[in-house]
Protein backbone atom coordinates (compact mmCIF):
# COMPACT_ATOMS: atom_id res chain seq x y z
CA MET A 1 23.29 41.84 -51.59
CA ALA A 2 20.40 42.05 -49.15
CA THR A 3 19.93 39.21 -46.72
CA SER A 4 16.46 38.04 -45.86
CA THR A 5 15.55 37.02 -42.35
CA ILE A 6 13.14 34.22 -41.65
CA SER A 7 10.93 34.97 -38.69
CA ALA A 8 9.67 32.17 -36.43
CA PRO A 9 5.99 31.37 -36.83
CA ALA A 10 3.80 33.07 -34.28
CA LEU A 11 2.52 30.81 -31.50
CA PRO A 12 -1.22 30.34 -31.29
CA GLU A 13 -2.99 32.49 -28.73
CA PHE A 14 -3.73 29.37 -26.64
CA TYR A 15 -0.04 28.87 -25.83
CA LEU A 16 0.48 32.54 -24.96
CA ARG A 17 -2.40 32.62 -22.48
CA PRO A 18 -1.17 32.48 -18.84
CA GLU A 19 -2.22 29.41 -16.90
CA ARG A 20 -5.01 29.97 -14.43
CA PRO A 21 -4.22 29.57 -10.71
CA PHE A 22 -4.99 26.16 -9.21
CA MET A 23 -7.87 27.48 -7.09
CA SER A 24 -9.47 29.09 -10.13
CA ARG A 25 -9.21 25.86 -12.13
CA ALA A 26 -10.59 23.85 -9.21
CA LEU A 27 -13.60 26.17 -8.79
CA ARG A 28 -14.22 26.08 -12.52
CA ALA A 29 -14.16 22.26 -12.50
CA ILE A 30 -16.52 22.12 -9.51
CA GLY A 31 -18.89 24.57 -11.19
CA SER A 32 -18.89 22.50 -14.38
CA PHE A 33 -19.52 19.34 -12.36
CA ILE A 34 -22.50 20.95 -10.58
CA VAL A 35 -24.01 22.15 -13.87
CA HIS A 36 -23.54 18.96 -15.86
CA LYS A 37 -23.98 16.41 -13.03
CA PRO A 38 -26.55 17.86 -10.61
CA LEU A 39 -27.33 14.49 -9.00
CA GLY A 40 -23.62 13.87 -8.48
CA ALA A 41 -23.30 17.33 -6.92
CA PHE A 42 -26.22 16.46 -4.64
CA GLY A 43 -24.35 13.31 -3.57
CA GLY A 44 -21.24 15.35 -2.82
CA PHE A 45 -23.34 17.77 -0.76
CA ILE A 46 -24.80 14.84 1.23
CA LEU A 47 -21.29 13.50 1.90
CA ILE A 48 -20.06 16.88 3.16
CA LEU A 49 -23.25 17.34 5.20
CA VAL A 50 -22.95 13.96 6.94
CA ILE A 51 -19.31 14.59 7.87
CA ALA A 52 -20.01 18.17 9.04
CA VAL A 53 -23.03 17.16 11.12
CA GLY A 54 -21.05 14.28 12.63
CA VAL A 55 -18.14 16.54 13.59
CA LEU A 56 -20.39 19.26 15.01
CA SER A 57 -23.07 16.98 16.49
CA PRO A 58 -22.43 17.93 20.17
CA MET A 59 -23.00 21.58 19.18
CA ILE A 60 -26.07 20.88 17.05
CA ALA A 61 -28.01 18.48 19.28
CA GLY A 62 -28.42 17.59 22.93
CA ASP A 63 -27.63 14.31 24.70
CA PRO A 64 -29.14 11.55 22.50
CA ASN A 65 -29.60 9.25 25.50
CA THR A 66 -31.63 11.64 27.64
CA VAL A 67 -34.95 10.02 28.54
CA HIS A 68 -38.14 12.09 28.83
CA LEU A 69 -40.61 9.67 30.42
CA SER A 70 -43.45 12.18 30.24
CA ASP A 71 -42.91 12.69 26.48
CA THR A 72 -42.83 9.18 25.02
CA LEU A 73 -43.90 8.71 21.39
CA VAL A 74 -44.57 12.42 20.91
CA ARG A 75 -45.16 13.39 17.29
CA PRO A 76 -42.92 16.02 15.61
CA ASN A 77 -43.50 19.48 17.07
CA SER A 78 -41.63 22.70 17.83
CA THR A 79 -39.90 21.12 20.86
CA TYR A 80 -39.04 17.74 19.33
CA TRP A 81 -38.52 18.37 15.61
CA PHE A 82 -38.58 14.67 14.70
CA GLY A 83 -40.65 13.53 17.68
CA THR A 84 -39.58 11.12 20.42
CA ASP A 85 -39.26 7.34 20.58
CA TYR A 86 -40.80 4.81 22.99
CA ASN A 87 -38.30 5.82 25.71
CA GLY A 88 -38.89 9.53 25.27
CA ARG A 89 -35.54 10.13 23.56
CA ASP A 90 -35.36 12.89 20.95
CA VAL A 91 -35.24 11.31 17.48
CA PHE A 92 -33.54 14.39 15.98
CA ASP A 93 -30.70 14.24 18.52
CA ARG A 94 -30.17 10.54 17.87
CA ILE A 95 -30.10 11.00 14.09
CA VAL A 96 -27.58 13.86 14.40
CA PHE A 97 -25.26 11.78 16.61
CA GLY A 98 -25.79 8.79 14.31
CA CYS A 99 -23.97 10.78 11.62
CA GLN A 100 -20.77 10.14 13.55
CA VAL A 101 -21.07 6.37 13.10
CA THR A 102 -22.17 6.74 9.48
CA ALA A 103 -19.21 8.97 8.62
CA MET A 104 -16.66 6.91 10.54
CA VAL A 105 -17.82 3.54 9.22
CA GLY A 106 -18.28 4.80 5.67
CA LEU A 107 -14.93 6.54 5.31
CA GLY A 108 -13.02 3.96 7.38
CA THR A 109 -14.41 1.07 5.35
CA VAL A 110 -13.63 2.80 2.06
CA ILE A 111 -10.02 3.42 3.13
CA LEU A 112 -9.57 -0.20 4.26
CA VAL A 113 -11.21 -1.58 1.10
CA THR A 114 -8.98 0.62 -1.07
CA VAL A 115 -5.81 -0.54 0.68
CA LEU A 116 -6.72 -4.25 0.59
CA SER A 117 -8.00 -4.18 -3.01
CA LEU A 118 -4.83 -2.36 -4.13
CA LEU A 119 -2.62 -4.87 -2.35
CA VAL A 120 -4.41 -7.91 -3.78
CA GLY A 121 -5.56 -6.61 -7.16
CA VAL A 122 -2.41 -4.79 -8.28
CA THR A 123 0.02 -7.54 -7.26
CA SER A 124 -2.17 -10.24 -8.76
CA GLY A 125 -2.71 -8.41 -12.05
CA TYR A 126 0.87 -7.20 -12.45
CA PHE A 127 2.79 -10.39 -11.66
CA SER A 128 0.17 -12.70 -13.28
CA GLY A 129 1.11 -16.33 -14.00
CA LYS A 130 0.95 -18.87 -11.18
CA PHE A 131 0.90 -16.12 -8.56
CA ASP A 132 -2.21 -14.59 -10.15
CA PHE A 133 -3.86 -18.03 -10.43
CA THR A 134 -3.24 -18.81 -6.75
CA VAL A 135 -4.40 -15.42 -5.51
CA GLN A 136 -7.57 -15.51 -7.62
CA ARG A 137 -8.53 -18.94 -6.30
CA LEU A 138 -8.18 -17.55 -2.78
CA VAL A 139 -10.36 -14.61 -3.81
CA ASP A 140 -12.91 -17.10 -5.15
CA ILE A 141 -13.02 -18.74 -1.72
CA TRP A 142 -13.21 -15.28 -0.16
CA LEU A 143 -16.24 -14.40 -2.30
CA SER A 144 -17.96 -17.76 -1.91
CA PHE A 145 -19.01 -16.96 1.67
CA PRO A 146 -22.35 -15.11 1.87
CA ALA A 147 -21.49 -11.50 2.71
CA ILE A 148 -23.97 -11.11 5.55
CA PHE A 149 -22.85 -14.41 7.13
CA LEU A 150 -19.19 -13.37 7.01
CA ILE A 151 -19.96 -9.92 8.45
CA LEU A 152 -22.04 -11.38 11.28
CA THR A 153 -19.32 -13.93 12.08
CA LEU A 154 -16.51 -11.36 12.19
CA VAL A 155 -18.54 -8.89 14.23
CA ALA A 156 -19.63 -11.60 16.70
CA VAL A 157 -16.08 -12.94 17.14
CA LEU A 158 -14.59 -9.47 17.71
CA LYS A 159 -17.41 -8.39 20.08
CA THR A 160 -18.65 -4.96 19.09
CA SER A 161 -20.51 -4.54 22.38
CA SER A 162 -17.21 -4.09 24.22
CA ASN A 163 -16.05 -0.65 25.34
CA ASN A 164 -12.41 -1.73 25.18
CA GLY A 165 -11.54 0.32 22.12
CA PHE A 166 -9.59 -0.76 19.07
CA PHE A 167 -10.88 -4.04 17.61
CA GLY A 168 -12.27 -5.03 21.02
CA LEU A 169 -8.84 -6.29 22.06
CA GLY A 170 -8.21 -3.65 24.68
CA ARG A 171 -6.86 -0.19 24.11
CA GLY A 172 -3.27 -1.32 24.38
CA PRO A 173 -0.96 1.67 24.89
CA GLU A 174 -2.68 4.68 26.42
CA ILE A 175 -3.08 6.51 23.15
CA GLY A 176 -6.18 7.77 21.45
CA PRO A 177 -9.52 8.69 22.99
CA ASN A 178 -11.36 6.46 25.45
CA PRO A 179 -14.59 5.38 23.74
CA VAL A 180 -16.68 6.24 26.81
CA ASP A 181 -15.10 9.58 27.67
CA GLY A 182 -16.94 11.98 25.38
CA ASP A 183 -19.37 12.67 22.57
CA TRP A 184 -17.08 14.33 20.04
CA PHE A 185 -16.51 12.89 16.59
CA TRP A 186 -13.07 11.40 17.32
CA TYR A 187 -14.35 9.55 20.41
CA THR A 188 -16.59 7.45 18.15
CA PHE A 189 -13.74 5.85 16.22
CA PRO A 190 -12.85 3.13 18.78
CA ARG A 191 -16.49 2.03 18.78
CA THR A 192 -16.55 1.58 15.02
CA THR A 193 -13.20 -0.17 14.43
CA ILE A 194 -14.65 -3.69 14.57
CA VAL A 195 -17.44 -2.86 12.13
CA ILE A 196 -14.94 -1.16 9.80
CA LEU A 197 -12.67 -4.22 9.89
CA ALA A 198 -15.54 -6.64 9.19
CA LEU A 199 -17.02 -4.61 6.33
CA GLY A 200 -13.60 -3.82 4.85
CA VAL A 201 -12.56 -7.48 4.71
CA VAL A 202 -15.86 -8.54 3.14
CA LEU A 203 -16.11 -5.76 0.52
CA ALA A 204 -12.44 -5.88 -0.51
CA GLY A 205 -12.86 -9.22 -2.32
CA GLY A 206 -15.08 -7.90 -5.09
CA ALA A 207 -13.18 -4.60 -5.27
CA SER A 208 -9.89 -6.44 -5.80
CA ARG A 209 -11.32 -8.02 -8.96
CA VAL A 210 -12.06 -4.58 -10.41
CA VAL A 211 -8.55 -3.36 -9.51
CA ARG A 212 -6.98 -6.49 -11.03
CA SER A 213 -8.88 -5.94 -14.29
CA ALA A 214 -7.71 -2.31 -14.48
CA THR A 215 -4.14 -3.41 -13.68
CA LEU A 216 -4.13 -6.00 -16.47
CA GLN A 217 -5.34 -3.39 -18.95
CA THR A 218 -2.71 -0.85 -17.84
CA ARG A 219 0.07 -3.45 -17.77
CA ALA A 220 -0.49 -4.16 -21.47
CA ALA A 221 0.20 -0.52 -22.42
CA PRO A 222 3.40 0.16 -24.46
CA TYR A 223 4.87 2.55 -21.88
CA ILE A 224 4.94 -0.25 -19.29
CA GLU A 225 6.95 -2.40 -21.69
CA ALA A 226 9.24 0.56 -22.37
CA ALA A 227 9.82 1.06 -18.64
CA GLN A 228 10.71 -2.62 -18.25
CA VAL A 229 13.15 -2.44 -21.17
CA LEU A 230 14.82 0.61 -19.60
CA GLY A 231 15.41 -1.41 -16.43
CA ALA A 232 12.75 0.05 -14.12
CA THR A 233 12.08 -2.14 -11.09
CA ASN A 234 8.67 -3.70 -10.47
CA THR A 235 8.15 -1.48 -7.45
CA ARG A 236 8.86 1.67 -9.46
CA ILE A 237 6.55 0.58 -12.28
CA ILE A 238 3.72 -0.22 -9.85
CA PHE A 239 3.95 3.05 -7.90
CA ARG A 240 4.88 5.39 -10.78
CA HIS A 241 2.82 3.94 -13.63
CA ILE A 242 0.23 1.35 -12.59
CA ILE A 243 -1.37 2.96 -9.52
CA PRO A 244 -1.56 6.54 -10.89
CA ASN A 245 -3.24 5.28 -14.07
CA ILE A 246 -5.88 3.22 -12.25
CA MET A 247 -6.57 6.00 -9.71
CA PRO A 248 -9.74 7.27 -11.48
CA ILE A 249 -11.21 3.77 -11.25
CA LEU A 250 -10.22 3.59 -7.58
CA ILE A 251 -11.95 6.91 -6.84
CA VAL A 252 -15.18 5.77 -8.48
CA LEU A 253 -14.99 2.38 -6.78
CA ALA A 254 -14.43 4.00 -3.37
CA THR A 255 -17.41 6.31 -3.82
CA LEU A 256 -19.71 3.45 -4.78
CA GLN A 257 -18.46 1.34 -1.87
CA LEU A 258 -19.33 4.20 0.49
CA GLY A 259 -23.06 3.67 0.01
CA THR A 260 -22.67 -0.09 0.31
CA ALA A 261 -20.75 0.23 3.59
CA ILE A 262 -23.35 2.54 5.13
CA LEU A 263 -26.20 0.23 4.13
CA ALA A 264 -24.32 -2.79 5.52
CA GLU A 265 -23.63 -0.97 8.81
CA ALA A 266 -27.31 -0.06 9.11
CA THR A 267 -28.22 -3.72 8.48
CA ILE A 268 -26.02 -5.17 11.21
CA SER A 269 -27.05 -2.39 13.62
CA PHE A 270 -30.67 -3.28 12.89
CA LEU A 271 -29.85 -6.88 13.78
CA GLY A 272 -28.38 -5.69 17.08
CA ILE A 273 -24.73 -6.63 16.62
CA GLY A 274 -23.25 -3.46 15.16
CA VAL A 275 -22.26 -0.46 17.24
CA THR A 276 -24.44 -1.12 20.29
CA ASN A 277 -23.21 1.51 22.75
CA PHE A 278 -23.98 4.59 20.64
CA PRO A 279 -26.99 5.82 18.59
CA THR A 280 -27.01 4.54 14.99
CA TRP A 281 -29.60 4.86 12.26
CA GLY A 282 -30.01 1.10 11.84
CA GLN A 283 -30.36 0.59 15.59
CA MET A 284 -33.19 3.15 15.66
CA LEU A 285 -35.23 0.95 13.31
CA SER A 286 -34.90 -2.19 15.44
CA GLY A 287 -36.53 -3.38 18.67
CA LYS A 288 -39.92 -1.93 19.55
CA THR A 289 -39.79 0.39 16.55
CA ARG A 290 -40.98 -2.47 14.33
CA GLU A 291 -44.07 -2.92 16.50
CA LEU A 292 -44.89 0.74 17.09
CA ALA A 293 -44.09 2.22 13.65
CA ALA A 294 -47.56 1.42 12.30
CA ASP A 295 -49.19 3.86 14.74
CA HIS A 296 -46.20 6.16 15.27
CA MET A 297 -44.65 6.43 11.82
CA HIS A 298 -42.16 9.17 12.74
CA ILE A 299 -39.92 6.85 14.79
CA ALA A 300 -39.14 4.81 11.66
CA LEU A 301 -39.63 7.44 8.96
CA PHE A 302 -36.78 9.80 9.87
CA PRO A 303 -34.02 7.18 10.47
CA GLY A 304 -35.08 5.37 7.29
CA LEU A 305 -35.07 8.63 5.35
CA ALA A 306 -31.57 9.42 6.64
CA ILE A 307 -30.28 6.03 5.43
CA PHE A 308 -32.04 6.45 2.07
CA LEU A 309 -30.66 9.94 1.42
CA ALA A 310 -27.11 8.96 2.38
CA VAL A 311 -27.00 5.80 0.24
CA PHE A 312 -28.79 7.43 -2.70
CA GLY A 313 -26.54 10.49 -2.61
CA PHE A 314 -23.30 8.49 -2.43
CA ASN A 315 -24.40 6.22 -5.29
CA MET A 316 -25.26 9.24 -7.43
CA LEU A 317 -21.86 10.77 -6.63
CA GLY A 318 -20.09 7.55 -7.64
CA ASP A 319 -22.08 7.31 -10.88
CA ALA A 320 -21.30 10.94 -11.78
CA LEU A 321 -17.60 10.52 -11.02
CA ARG A 322 -17.53 7.44 -13.24
CA ASP A 323 -18.95 9.47 -16.12
CA VAL A 324 -16.39 12.24 -15.57
CA LEU A 325 -13.28 10.18 -14.87
CA ASP A 326 -13.77 7.25 -17.24
CA PRO A 327 -12.59 8.38 -20.70
CA ARG A 328 -14.77 5.72 -22.37
CA LEU A 329 -17.90 7.32 -20.92
CA ARG A 330 -16.85 10.96 -21.15
CA GLY A 331 -19.42 12.89 -23.12
CA SER A 332 -21.72 9.90 -23.53
CA ARG A 333 -24.25 11.12 -20.97
């Protein structure tokens, strides 16, 4: 008697296809992002450009504080690409070095806002109850202060005009670069720490509300309840389940906050209490520039255009990332 053999069903071709290398998948994703989200790709290019110009600024431009008394208020030409200001300083050089402050303040503020909003939003949303009620009332007080007033107060108290390094409280141990020793990118950080602290504290209040909302939504998922039933600790649930699942929202939030931080830094520099011992874009629009810009438009046009392109690009990047990372919006635009 013949025996019949039953063969296993053939796997679809999709499962037999070898997985592409990580670099190939990453390049494919970037290419798709550029094609489908050109404005978002433009924002990413602006972000990379600002950081690259800031890092390489001493190689790209000359000393931004050099005064050419015989060449004051010169219009753009082959020698001074963006012209000179009322002190004869090269506007192009000052904008290039201003990228250092823009990059440092933008990225530093985003990192601080992310850490603070995670700390407040995740703990408040996860533990809920009386703890959540108490924390949210404190956040309400936090948000009730006008943002510009709170920023000005913090910056004034911590004294940004000081050359004493981290948070204006002295350098402490002899570690890190002296803020008056050089022009390279990393020497700018001590100058910007006070502004980063002020902006981070102010912007984290609203960001924590977004994180709390995402945490509440994630906490209600069945797999969180299953993890609790299996005996997982709160710490494990937060770091293994809550934070990874709200990470897309954090990325979008951080990108959108980047433009806000840069605009806020330009505002306080314009008012004269931001980074005062180094060229910044907002500082270039203040002082005599307001009086002379009507007849010498270039001294206000180029710094203003730099601020506009940076903020516009970062906002477009954040909007595109939201469309890509948020599953509710995926494919809608």
